[in-house]
Amino acid sequence: MYEKRSLTGSADTVARHLDEAITRGSVSATIENADEIRLGDSRLILRTYERYSMTGGNRLTLSVSILAVGNRMEVALTTSGGSQAVFWKVNTFGEEAFMTHGLRAVEVFADEQ
């Protein structure tokens, strides 16, 4: 699953907000990777969160990319790992729930700006 949102504000503040909101939302959620790339005035902040899905009986990830130039940001969220089938995706409830949780965190940040 993939979703994208446009935001304004501080990239550092949104990254901290997402770290807290996403890991607080699940007892098994962790930050698996945190990185940043700079090029001139632009920044790409990367996060990979992981959690266990009781519904799917597996682990899944939520990857977040925050592309920031000044106070403008594009935030992309991608989930993966929420299926048990070999050749096609079935039982994506865990992925959908993780995406919903990530989007809520982004929207809360946007509402506070």
PDB file of N, CA and C in Angstrom:
ATOM      1  N   MET A   1       0.841  -1.173   0.000  1.00  0.00           N
ATOM      2  CA  MET A   1       0.000   0.000   0.000  1.00  0.00           C
ATOM      3  C   MET A   1       0.888   1.237   0.000  1.00  0.00           C
ATOM      4  N   TYR A   2       0.404   2.296  -0.631  1.00  0.00           N
ATOM      5  CA  TYR A   2       1.172   3.535  -0.743  1.00  0.00           C
ATOM      6  C   TYR A   2       0.229   4.726  -0.587  1.00  0.00           C
ATOM      7  N   GLU A   3       0.667   5.712   0.174  1.00  0.00           N
ATOM      8  CA  GLU A   3      -0.073   6.968   0.341  1.00  0.00           C
ATOM      9  C   GLU A   3       0.934   8.103   0.384  1.00  0.00           C
ATOM     10  N   LYS A   4       0.507   9.298  -0.006  1.00  0.00           N
ATOM     11  CA  LYS A   4       1.385  10.468   0.009  1.00  0.00           C
ATOM     12  C   LYS A   4       0.597  11.662   0.507  1.00  0.00           C
ATOM     13  N   ARG A   5       1.273  12.529   1.277  1.00  0.00           N
ATOM     14  CA  ARG A   5       0.653  13.748   1.784  1.00  0.00           C
ATOM     15  C   ARG A   5       1.639  14.902   1.661  1.00  0.00           C
ATOM     16  N   SER A   6       1.112  16.111   1.434  1.00  0.00           N
ATOM     17  CA  SER A   6       1.914  17.337   1.415  1.00  0.00           C
ATOM     18  C   SER A   6       1.727  18.044   2.736  1.00  0.00           C
ATOM     19  N   LEU A   7       2.835  18.515   3.328  1.00  0.00           N
ATOM     20  CA  LEU A   7       2.792  19.186   4.622  1.00  0.00           C
ATOM     21  C   LEU A   7       3.669  20.431   4.591  1.00  0.00           C
ATOM     22  N   THR A   8       3.478  21.273   5.581  1.00  0.00           N
ATOM     23  CA  THR A   8       4.407  22.379   5.832  1.00  0.00           C
ATOM     24  C   THR A   8       4.807  22.318   7.293  1.00  0.00           C
ATOM     25  N   GLY A   9       5.996  22.816   7.570  1.00  0.00           N
ATOM     26  CA  GLY A   9       6.498  22.823   8.943  1.00  0.00           C
ATOM     27  C   GLY A   9       7.931  22.342   8.995  1.00  0.00           C
ATOM     28  N   SER A  10       8.331  21.900  10.163  1.00  0.00           N
ATOM     29  CA  SER A  10       9.693  21.442  10.399  1.00  0.00           C
ATOM     30  C   SER A  10       9.806  19.944  10.131  1.00  0.00           C
ATOM     31  N   ALA A  11      10.738  19.561   9.266  1.00  0.00           N
ATOM     32  CA  ALA A  11      10.951  18.148   8.966  1.00  0.00           C
ATOM     33  C   ALA A  11      11.407  17.382  10.207  1.00  0.00           C
ATOM     34  N   ASP A  12      12.254  17.996  11.022  1.00  0.00           N
ATOM     35  CA  ASP A  12      12.699  17.335  12.253  1.00  0.00           C
ATOM     36  C   ASP A  12      11.524  17.097  13.195  1.00  0.00           C
ATOM     37  N   THR A  13      10.631  18.077  13.281  1.00  0.00           N
ATOM     38  CA  THR A  13       9.480  17.949  14.174  1.00  0.00           C
ATOM     39  C   THR A  13       8.537  16.858  13.691  1.00  0.00           C
ATOM     40  N   VAL A  14       8.271  16.788  12.391  1.00  0.00           N
ATOM     41  CA  VAL A  14       7.383  15.734  11.894  1.00  0.00           C
ATOM     42  C   VAL A  14       8.017  14.365  12.077  1.00  0.00           C
ATOM     43  N   ALA A  15       9.328  14.241  11.871  1.00  0.00           N
ATOM     44  CA  ALA A  15      10.005  12.953  12.066  1.00  0.00           C
ATOM     45  C   ALA A  15       9.903  12.503  13.527  1.00  0.00           C
ATOM     46  N   ARG A  16      10.151  13.416  14.458  1.00  0.00           N
ATOM     47  CA  ARG A  16      10.022  13.065  15.886  1.00  0.00           C
ATOM     48  C   ARG A  16       8.583  12.696  16.228  1.00  0.00           C
ATOM     49  N   HIS A  17       7.630  13.455  15.691  1.00  0.00           N
ATOM     50  CA  HIS A  17       6.209  13.186  15.939  1.00  0.00           C
ATOM     51  C   HIS A  17       5.841  11.785  15.442  1.00  0.00           C
ATOM     52  N   LEU A  18       6.262  11.449  14.223  1.00  0.00           N
ATOM     53  CA  LEU A  18       5.941  10.129  13.678  1.00  0.00           C
ATOM     54  C   LEU A  18       6.617   9.018  14.471  1.00  0.00           C
ATOM     55  N   ASP A  19       7.883   9.214  14.855  1.00  0.00           N
ATOM     56  CA  ASP A  19       8.577   8.210  15.669  1.00  0.00           C
ATOM     57  C   ASP A  19       7.778   7.895  16.933  1.00  0.00           C
ATOM     58  N   GLU A  20       7.332   8.937  17.607  1.00  0.00           N
ATOM     59  CA  GLU A  20       6.591   8.733  18.856  1.00  0.00           C
ATOM     60  C   GLU A  20       5.212   8.139  18.605  1.00  0.00           C
ATOM     61  N   ALA A  21       4.466   8.724  17.676  1.00  0.00           N
ATOM     62  CA  ALA A  21       3.087   8.290  17.444  1.00  0.00           C
ATOM     63  C   ALA A  21       3.012   6.862  16.922  1.00  0.00           C
ATOM     64  N   ILE A  22       3.899   6.485  16.022  1.00  0.00           N
ATOM     65  CA  ILE A  22       3.833   5.156  15.427  1.00  0.00           C
ATOM     66  C   ILE A  22       4.308   4.084  16.400  1.00  0.00           C
ATOM     67  N   THR A  23       5.377   4.330  17.140  1.00  0.00           N
ATOM     68  CA  THR A  23       5.849   3.317  18.085  1.00  0.00           C
ATOM     69  C   THR A  23       4.956   3.226  19.318  1.00  0.00           C
ATOM     70  N   ARG A  24       4.317   4.320  19.672  1.00  0.00           N
ATOM     71  CA  ARG A  24       3.399   4.314  20.812  1.00  0.00           C
ATOM     72  C   ARG A  24       2.117   3.552  20.484  1.00  0.00           C
ATOM     73  N   GLY A  25       1.775   3.442  19.201  1.00  0.00           N
ATOM     74  CA  GLY A  25       0.503   2.852  18.791  1.00  0.00           C
ATOM     75  C   GLY A  25       0.443   1.345  18.833  1.00  0.00           C
ATOM     76  N   SER A  26       1.561   0.667  19.076  1.00  0.00           N
ATOM     77  CA  SER A  26       1.575  -0.790  19.098  1.00  0.00           C
ATOM     78  C   SER A  26       2.664  -1.252  20.051  1.00  0.00           C
ATOM     79  N   VAL A  27       2.353  -2.250  20.848  1.00  0.00           N
ATOM     80  CA  VAL A  27       3.323  -2.742  21.818  1.00  0.00           C
ATOM     81  C   VAL A  27       4.554  -3.340  21.125  1.00  0.00           C
ATOM     82  N   SER A  28       4.396  -3.823  19.881  1.00  0.00           N
ATOM     83  CA  SER A  28       5.521  -4.452  19.197  1.00  0.00           C
ATOM     84  C   SER A  28       6.187  -3.541  18.164  1.00  0.00           C
ATOM     85  N   ALA A  29       5.711  -2.302  17.992  1.00  0.00           N
ATOM     86  CA  ALA A  29       6.267  -1.408  16.971  1.00  0.00           C
ATOM     87  C   ALA A  29       7.634  -0.883  17.388  1.00  0.00           C
ATOM     88  N   THR A  30       8.561  -0.928  16.427  1.00  0.00           N
ATOM     89  CA  THR A  30       9.919  -0.441  16.661  1.00  0.00           C
ATOM     90  C   THR A  30      10.379   0.367  15.445  1.00  0.00           C
ATOM     91  N   ILE A  31      11.382   1.206  15.670  1.00  0.00           N
ATOM     92  CA  ILE A  31      12.046   1.895  14.565  1.00  0.00           C
ATOM     93  C   ILE A  31      13.198   0.996  14.140  1.00  0.00           C
ATOM     94  N   GLU A  32      13.119   0.463  12.941  1.00  0.00           N
ATOM     95  CA  GLU A  32      14.151  -0.450  12.450  1.00  0.00           C
ATOM     96  C   GLU A  32      15.274   0.290  11.744  1.00  0.00           C
ATOM     97  N   ASN A  33      14.962   1.452  11.165  1.00  0.00           N
ATOM     98  CA  ASN A  33      15.987   2.226  10.484  1.00  0.00           C
ATOM     99  C   ASN A  33      15.608   3.700  10.524  1.00  0.00           C
ATOM    100  N   ALA A  34      16.605   4.547  10.728  1.00  0.00           N
ATOM    101  CA  ALA A  34      16.428   6.001  10.684  1.00  0.00           C
ATOM    102  C   ALA A  34      17.641   6.568   9.974  1.00  0.00           C
ATOM    103  N   ASP A  35      17.392   7.298   8.899  1.00  0.00           N
ATOM    104  CA  ASP A  35      18.497   7.830   8.119  1.00  0.00           C
ATOM    105  C   ASP A  35      18.098   9.173   7.519  1.00  0.00           C
ATOM    106  N   GLU A  36      19.076   9.894   7.017  1.00  0.00           N
ATOM    107  CA  GLU A  36      18.839  11.178   6.376  1.00  0.00           C
ATOM    108  C   GLU A  36      19.861  11.395   5.277  1.00  0.00           C
ATOM    109  N   ILE A  37      19.384  11.939   4.171  1.00  0.00           N
ATOM    110  CA  ILE A  37      20.245  12.297   3.037  1.00  0.00           C
ATOM    111  C   ILE A  37      20.021  13.774   2.756  1.00  0.00           C
ATOM    112  N   ARG A  38      21.113  14.507   2.560  1.00  0.00           N
ATOM    113  CA  ARG A  38      21.022  15.935   2.237  1.00  0.00           C
ATOM    114  C   ARG A  38      21.613  16.172   0.858  1.00  0.00           C
ATOM    115  N   LEU A  39      20.970  17.071   0.117  1.00  0.00           N
ATOM    116  CA  LEU A  39      21.475  17.503  -1.177  1.00  0.00           C
ATOM    117  C   LEU A  39      21.099  18.970  -1.336  1.00  0.00           C
ATOM    118  N   GLY A  40      22.096  19.841  -1.180  1.00  0.00           N
ATOM    119  CA  GLY A  40      21.813  21.271  -1.214  1.00  0.00           C
ATOM    120  C   GLY A  40      20.856  21.651  -0.098  1.00  0.00           C
ATOM    121  N   ASP A  41      19.770  22.302  -0.459  1.00  0.00           N
ATOM    122  CA  ASP A  41      18.762  22.721   0.526  1.00  0.00           C
ATOM    123  C   ASP A  41      17.706  21.657   0.788  1.00  0.00           C
ATOM    124  N   SER A  42      17.796  20.524   0.123  1.00  0.00           N
ATOM    125  CA  SER A  42      16.774  19.494   0.308  1.00  0.00           C
ATOM    126  C   SER A  42      17.275  18.398   1.253  1.00  0.00           C
ATOM    127  N   ARG A  43      16.317  17.793   1.932  1.00  0.00           N
ATOM    128  CA  ARG A  43      16.603  16.695   2.865  1.00  0.00           C
ATOM    129  C   ARG A  43      15.623  15.567   2.595  1.00  0.00           C
ATOM    130  N   LEU A  44      16.108  14.355   2.716  1.00  0.00           N
ATOM    131  CA  LEU A  44      15.264  13.181   2.642  1.00  0.00           C
ATOM    132  C   LEU A  44      15.453  12.424   3.949  1.00  0.00           C
ATOM    133  N   ILE A  45      14.412  12.424   4.752  1.00  0.00           N
ATOM    134  CA  ILE A  45      14.438  11.714   6.034  1.00  0.00           C
ATOM    135  C   ILE A  45      13.713  10.394   5.825  1.00  0.00           C
ATOM    136  N   LEU A  46      14.385   9.305   6.187  1.00  0.00           N
ATOM    137  CA  LEU A  46      13.850   7.964   5.969  1.00  0.00           C
ATOM    138  C   LEU A  46      13.620   7.262   7.298  1.00  0.00           C
ATOM    139  N   ARG A  47      12.492   6.595   7.403  1.00  0.00           N
ATOM    140  CA  ARG A  47      12.189   5.779   8.573  1.00  0.00           C
ATOM    141  C   ARG A  47      11.595   4.455   8.117  1.00  0.00           C
ATOM    142  N   THR A  48      11.973   3.385   8.791  1.00  0.00           N
ATOM    143  CA  THR A  48      11.326   2.094   8.614  1.00  0.00           C
ATOM    144  C   THR A  48      10.876   1.619   9.983  1.00  0.00           C
ATOM    145  N   TYR A  49       9.573   1.429  10.117  1.00  0.00           N
ATOM    146  CA  TYR A  49       8.972   0.930  11.349  1.00  0.00           C
ATOM    147  C   TYR A  49       8.516  -0.504  11.102  1.00  0.00           C
ATOM    148  N   GLU A  50       8.564  -1.316  12.144  1.00  0.00           N
ATOM    149  CA  GLU A  50       8.122  -2.700  12.026  1.00  0.00           C
ATOM    150  C   GLU A  50       7.249  -3.044  13.210  1.00  0.00           C
ATOM    151  N   ARG A  51       6.274  -3.910  12.973  1.00  0.00           N
ATOM    152  CA  ARG A  51       5.446  -4.392  14.080  1.00  0.00           C
ATOM    153  C   ARG A  51       4.911  -5.778  13.746  1.00  0.00           C
ATOM    154  N   TYR A  52       4.460  -6.458  14.771  1.00  0.00           N
ATOM    155  CA  TYR A  52       3.857  -7.775  14.603  1.00  0.00           C
ATOM    156  C   TYR A  52       2.368  -7.608  14.366  1.00  0.00           C
ATOM    157  N   SER A  53       1.839  -8.332  13.400  1.00  0.00           N
ATOM    158  CA  SER A  53       0.411  -8.312  13.113  1.00  0.00           C
ATOM    159  C   SER A  53      -0.239  -9.566  13.676  1.00  0.00           C
ATOM    160  N   MET A  54      -1.051  -9.397  14.712  1.00  0.00           N
ATOM    161  CA  MET A  54      -1.775 -10.540  15.295  1.00  0.00           C
ATOM    162  C   MET A  54      -2.722 -11.142  14.261  1.00  0.00           C
ATOM    163  N   THR A  55      -3.363 -10.287  13.477  1.00  0.00           N
ATOM    164  CA  THR A  55      -4.325 -10.761  12.481  1.00  0.00           C
ATOM    165  C   THR A  55      -3.662 -11.630  11.431  1.00  0.00           C
ATOM    166  N   GLY A  56      -2.527 -11.182  10.928  1.00  0.00           N
ATOM    167  CA  GLY A  56      -1.836 -11.927   9.879  1.00  0.00           C
ATOM    168  C   GLY A  56      -0.867 -12.959  10.398  1.00  0.00           C
ATOM    169  N   GLY A  57      -0.490 -12.851  11.670  1.00  0.00           N
ATOM    170  CA  GLY A  57       0.478 -13.776  12.237  1.00  0.00           C
ATOM    171  C   GLY A  57       1.871 -13.582  11.665  1.00  0.00           C
ATOM    172  N   ASN A  58       2.206 -12.332  11.319  1.00  0.00           N
ATOM    173  CA  ASN A  58       3.513 -12.064  10.729  1.00  0.00           C
ATOM    174  C   ASN A  58       3.963 -10.651  11.095  1.00  0.00           C
ATOM    175  N   ARG A  59       5.185 -10.319  10.702  1.00  0.00           N
ATOM    176  CA  ARG A  59       5.694  -8.968  10.915  1.00  0.00           C
ATOM    177  C   ARG A  59       5.505  -8.180   9.635  1.00  0.00           C
ATOM    178  N   LEU A  60       5.294  -6.885   9.773  1.00  0.00           N
ATOM    179  CA  LEU A  60       5.144  -6.033   8.608  1.00  0.00           C
ATOM    180  C   LEU A  60       5.809  -4.704   8.853  1.00  0.00           C
ATOM    181  N   THR A  61       6.056  -3.968   7.757  1.00  0.00           N
ATOM    182  CA  THR A  61       6.778  -2.708   7.855  1.00  0.00           C
ATOM    183  C   THR A  61       5.947  -1.552   7.327  1.00  0.00           C
ATOM    184  N   LEU A  62       6.270  -0.387   7.863  1.00  0.00           N
ATOM    185  CA  LEU A  62       5.774   0.891   7.362  1.00  0.00           C
ATOM    186  C   LEU A  62       7.014   1.727   7.099  1.00  0.00           C
ATOM    187  N   SER A  63       7.245   2.057   5.834  1.00  0.00           N
ATOM    188  CA  SER A  63       8.380   2.903   5.463  1.00  0.00           C
ATOM    189  C   SER A  63       7.863   4.308   5.204  1.00  0.00           C
ATOM    190  N   VAL A  64       8.563   5.303   5.756  1.00  0.00           N
ATOM    191  CA  VAL A  64       8.168   6.699   5.603  1.00  0.00           C
ATOM    192  C   VAL A  64       9.346   7.469   5.022  1.00  0.00           C
ATOM    193  N   SER A  65       9.072   8.222   3.962  1.00  0.00           N
ATOM    194  CA  SER A  65      10.061   9.109   3.345  1.00  0.00           C
ATOM    195  C   SER A  65       9.537  10.529   3.445  1.00  0.00           C
ATOM    196  N   ILE A  66      10.346  11.411   4.012  1.00  0.00           N
ATOM    197  CA  ILE A  66       9.977  12.817   4.146  1.00  0.00           C
ATOM    198  C   ILE A  66      10.957  13.619   3.306  1.00  0.00           C
ATOM    199  N   LEU A  67      10.489  14.147   2.192  1.00  0.00           N
ATOM    200  CA  LEU A  67      11.305  14.999   1.334  1.00  0.00           C
ATOM    201  C   LEU A  67      10.992  16.440   1.718  1.00  0.00           C
ATOM    202  N   ALA A  68      12.002  17.152   2.229  1.00  0.00           N
ATOM    203  CA  ALA A  68      11.799  18.508   2.742  1.00  0.00           C
ATOM    204  C   ALA A  68      12.684  19.494   2.003  1.00  0.00           C
ATOM    205  N   VAL A  69      12.067  20.586   1.569  1.00  0.00           N
ATOM    206  CA  VAL A  69      12.779  21.728   0.998  1.00  0.00           C
ATOM    207  C   VAL A  69      12.212  22.946   1.703  1.00  0.00           C
ATOM    208  N   GLY A  70      13.052  23.578   2.526  1.00  0.00           N
ATOM    209  CA  GLY A  70      12.531  24.665   3.367  1.00  0.00           C
ATOM    210  C   GLY A  70      11.501  24.106   4.332  1.00  0.00           C
ATOM    211  N   ASN A  71      10.325  24.746   4.386  1.00  0.00           N
ATOM    212  CA  ASN A  71       9.285  24.248   5.287  1.00  0.00           C
ATOM    213  C   ASN A  71       8.219  23.441   4.533  1.00  0.00           C
ATOM    214  N   ARG A  72       8.463  23.153   3.256  1.00  0.00           N
ATOM    215  CA  ARG A  72       7.542  22.321   2.471  1.00  0.00           C
ATOM    216  C   ARG A  72       8.021  20.883   2.471  1.00  0.00           C
ATOM    217  N   MET A  73       7.070  19.959   2.616  1.00  0.00           N
ATOM    218  CA  MET A  73       7.422  18.546   2.679  1.00  0.00           C
ATOM    219  C   MET A  73       6.445  17.700   1.878  1.00  0.00           C
ATOM    220  N   GLU A  74       6.964  16.634   1.317  1.00  0.00           N
ATOM    221  CA  GLU A  74       6.164  15.564   0.746  1.00  0.00           C
ATOM    222  C   GLU A  74       6.469  14.334   1.589  1.00  0.00           C
ATOM    223  N   VAL A  75       5.430  13.717   2.118  1.00  0.00           N
ATOM    224  CA  VAL A  75       5.590  12.556   2.991  1.00  0.00           C
ATOM    225  C   VAL A  75       4.961  11.356   2.293  1.00  0.00           C
ATOM    226  N   ALA A  76       5.760  10.321   2.048  1.00  0.00           N
ATOM    227  CA  ALA A  76       5.284   9.103   1.394  1.00  0.00           C
ATOM    228  C   ALA A  76       5.341   7.955   2.393  1.00  0.00           C
ATOM    229  N   LEU A  77       4.251   7.184   2.465  1.00  0.00           N
ATOM    230  CA  LEU A  77       4.161   6.029   3.358  1.00  0.00           C
ATOM    231  C   LEU A  77       3.905   4.781   2.532  1.00  0.00           C
ATOM    232  N   THR A  78       4.649   3.715   2.834  1.00  0.00           N
ATOM    233  CA  THR A  78       4.495   2.444   2.135  1.00  0.00           C
ATOM    234  C   THR A  78       4.495   1.325   3.163  1.00  0.00           C
ATOM    235  N   THR A  79       3.534   0.413   3.051  1.00  0.00           N
ATOM    236  CA  THR A  79       3.521  -0.758   3.930  1.00  0.00           C
ATOM    237  C   THR A  79       3.873  -1.993   3.113  1.00  0.00           C
ATOM    238  N   SER A  80       4.418  -2.991   3.802  1.00  0.00           N
ATOM    239  CA  SER A  80       4.701  -4.259   3.141  1.00  0.00           C
ATOM    240  C   SER A  80       4.794  -5.366   4.177  1.00  0.00           C
ATOM    241  N   GLY A  81       4.686  -6.594   3.672  1.00  0.00           N
ATOM    242  CA  GLY A  81       4.870  -7.760   4.524  1.00  0.00           C
ATOM    243  C   GLY A  81       3.601  -8.303   5.152  1.00  0.00           C
ATOM    244  N   GLY A  82       2.452  -7.787   4.772  1.00  0.00           N
ATOM    245  CA  GLY A  82       1.225  -8.187   5.444  1.00  0.00           C
ATOM    246  C   GLY A  82       0.453  -9.294   4.780  1.00  0.00           C
ATOM    247  N   SER A  83       1.095 -10.146   3.995  1.00  0.00           N
ATOM    248  CA  SER A  83       0.373 -11.216   3.317  1.00  0.00           C
ATOM    249  C   SER A  83       1.037 -12.557   3.594  1.00  0.00           C
ATOM    250  N   GLN A  84       0.226 -13.608   3.559  1.00  0.00           N
ATOM    251  CA  GLN A  84       0.754 -14.945   3.799  1.00  0.00           C
ATOM    252  C   GLN A  84       0.799 -15.800   2.533  1.00  0.00           C
ATOM    253  N   ALA A  85       0.260 -15.311   1.438  1.00  0.00           N
ATOM    254  CA  ALA A  85       0.196 -16.101   0.211  1.00  0.00           C
ATOM    255  C   ALA A  85       1.539 -16.074  -0.527  1.00  0.00           C
ATOM    256  N   VAL A  86       1.742 -17.041  -1.389  1.00  0.00           N
ATOM    257  CA  VAL A  86       2.981 -17.145  -2.134  1.00  0.00           C
ATOM    258  C   VAL A  86       2.954 -16.299  -3.410  1.00  0.00           C
ATOM    259  N   PHE A  87       1.860 -16.360  -4.163  1.00  0.00           N
ATOM    260  CA  PHE A  87       1.825 -15.732  -5.482  1.00  0.00           C
ATOM    261  C   PHE A  87       0.973 -14.471  -5.570  1.00  0.00           C
ATOM    262  N   TRP A  88       0.173 -14.154  -4.589  1.00  0.00           N
ATOM    263  CA  TRP A  88      -0.636 -12.940  -4.594  1.00  0.00           C
ATOM    264  C   TRP A  88      -0.908 -12.531  -3.165  1.00  0.00           C
ATOM    265  N   LYS A  89      -1.376 -11.304  -2.997  1.00  0.00           N
ATOM    266  CA  LYS A  89      -1.608 -10.785  -1.653  1.00  0.00           C
ATOM    267  C   LYS A  89      -2.998 -11.166  -1.157  1.00  0.00           C
ATOM    268  N   VAL A  90      -3.041 -11.800  -0.015  1.00  0.00           N
ATOM    269  CA  VAL A  90      -4.288 -12.069   0.696  1.00  0.00           C
ATOM    270  C   VAL A  90      -4.060 -11.670   2.146  1.00  0.00           C
ATOM    271  N   ASN A  91      -5.117 -11.422   2.852  1.00  0.00           N
ATOM    272  CA  ASN A  91      -5.035 -11.071   4.276  1.00  0.00           C
ATOM    273  C   ASN A  91      -4.113  -9.872   4.491  1.00  0.00           C
ATOM    274  N   THR A  92      -4.491  -8.736   3.930  1.00  0.00           N
ATOM    275  CA  THR A  92      -3.685  -7.516   4.077  1.00  0.00           C
ATOM    276  C   THR A  92      -4.216  -6.622   5.193  1.00  0.00           C
ATOM    277  N   PHE A  93      -4.992  -7.189   6.123  1.00  0.00           N
ATOM    278  CA  PHE A  93      -5.567  -6.404   7.211  1.00  0.00           C
ATOM    279  C   PHE A  93      -4.497  -5.710   8.045  1.00  0.00           C
ATOM    280  N   GLY A  94      -3.402  -6.406   8.319  1.00  0.00           N
ATOM    281  CA  GLY A  94      -2.326  -5.824   9.117  1.00  0.00           C
ATOM    282  C   GLY A  94      -1.690  -4.637   8.413  1.00  0.00           C
ATOM    283  N   GLU A  95      -1.436  -4.771   7.115  1.00  0.00           N
ATOM    284  CA  GLU A  95      -0.872  -3.666   6.332  1.00  0.00           C
ATOM    285  C   GLU A  95      -1.806  -2.469   6.349  1.00  0.00           C
ATOM    286  N   GLU A  96      -3.097  -2.731   6.127  1.00  0.00           N
ATOM    287  CA  GLU A  96      -4.081  -1.648   6.103  1.00  0.00           C
ATOM    288  C   GLU A  96      -4.136  -0.939   7.450  1.00  0.00           C
ATOM    289  N   ALA A  97      -4.101  -1.690   8.528  1.00  0.00           N
ATOM    290  CA  ALA A  97      -4.154  -1.090   9.867  1.00  0.00           C
ATOM    291  C   ALA A  97      -2.910  -0.251  10.150  1.00  0.00           C
ATOM    292  N   PHE A  98      -1.739  -0.748   9.744  1.00  0.00           N
ATOM    293  CA  PHE A  98      -0.494  -0.010   9.968  1.00  0.00           C
ATOM    294  C   PHE A  98      -0.496   1.287   9.147  1.00  0.00           C
ATOM    295  N   MET A  99      -0.984   1.208   7.897  1.00  0.00           N
ATOM    296  CA  MET A  99      -1.081   2.397   7.058  1.00  0.00           C
ATOM    297  C   MET A  99      -2.048   3.403   7.681  1.00  0.00           C
ATOM    298  N   THR A 100      -3.187   2.939   8.139  1.00  0.00           N
ATOM    299  CA  THR A 100      -4.162   3.833   8.769  1.00  0.00           C
ATOM    300  C   THR A 100      -3.552   4.533   9.969  1.00  0.00           C
ATOM    301  N   HIS A 101      -2.802   3.797  10.761  1.00  0.00           N
ATOM    302  CA  HIS A 101      -2.156   4.377  11.943  1.00  0.00           C
ATOM    303  C   HIS A 101      -1.128   5.436  11.534  1.00  0.00           C
ATOM    304  N   GLY A 102      -0.319   5.141  10.506  1.00  0.00           N
ATOM    305  CA  GLY A 102       0.666   6.101  10.021  1.00  0.00           C
ATOM    306  C   GLY A 102       0.014   7.354   9.460  1.00  0.00           C
ATOM    307  N   LEU A 103      -1.056   7.179   8.684  1.00  0.00           N
ATOM    308  CA  LEU A 103      -1.761   8.334   8.113  1.00  0.00           C
ATOM    309  C   LEU A 103      -2.381   9.199   9.196  1.00  0.00           C
ATOM    310  N   ARG A 104      -2.939   8.566  10.225  1.00  0.00           N
ATOM    311  CA  ARG A 104      -3.498   9.343  11.348  1.00  0.00           C
ATOM    312  C   ARG A 104      -2.415  10.191  11.992  1.00  0.00           C
ATOM    313  N   ALA A 105      -1.232   9.629  12.173  1.00  0.00           N
ATOM    314  CA  ALA A 105      -0.127  10.373  12.787  1.00  0.00           C
ATOM    315  C   ALA A 105       0.251  11.579  11.919  1.00  0.00           C
ATOM    316  N   VAL A 106       0.287  11.384  10.598  1.00  0.00           N
ATOM    317  CA  VAL A 106       0.600  12.499   9.692  1.00  0.00           C
ATOM    318  C   VAL A 106      -0.491  13.568   9.783  1.00  0.00           C
ATOM    319  N   GLU A 107      -1.750  13.132   9.797  1.00  0.00           N
ATOM    320  CA  GLU A 107      -2.862  14.084   9.840  1.00  0.00           C
ATOM    321  C   GLU A 107      -2.907  14.857  11.154  1.00  0.00           C
ATOM    322  N   VAL A 108      -2.572  14.213  12.259  1.00  0.00           N
ATOM    323  CA  VAL A 108      -2.510  14.921  13.539  1.00  0.00           C
ATOM    324  C   VAL A 108      -1.451  16.011  13.469  1.00  0.00           C
ATOM    325  N   PHE A 109      -0.282  15.698  12.897  1.00  0.00           N
ATOM    326  CA  PHE A 109       0.758  16.711  12.739  1.00  0.00           C
ATOM    327  C   PHE A 109       0.248  17.867  11.879  1.00  0.00           C
ATOM    328  N   ALA A 110      -0.394  17.549  10.764  1.00  0.00           N
ATOM    329  CA  ALA A 110      -0.902  18.589   9.851  1.00  0.00           C
ATOM    330  C   ALA A 110      -1.926  19.478  10.545  1.00  0.00           C
ATOM    331  N   ASP A 111      -2.782  18.887  11.352  1.00  0.00           N
ATOM    332  CA  ASP A 111      -3.813  19.656  12.065  1.00  0.00           C
ATOM    333  C   ASP A 111      -3.222  20.590  13.108  1.00  0.00           C
ATOM    334  N   GLU A 112      -2.065  20.216  13.666  1.00  0.00           N
ATOM    335  CA  GLU A 112      -1.428  21.034  14.697  1.00  0.00           C
ATOM    336  C   GLU A 112      -0.636  22.195  14.120  1.00  0.00           C
ATOM    337  N   GLN A 113      -0.406  22.207  12.809  1.00  0.00           N
ATOM    338  CA  GLN A 113       0.370  23.278  12.174  1.00  0.00           C
ATOM    339  C   GLN A 113      -0.466  24.510  11.939  1.00  0.00           C
TER     340      GLN A 113
END
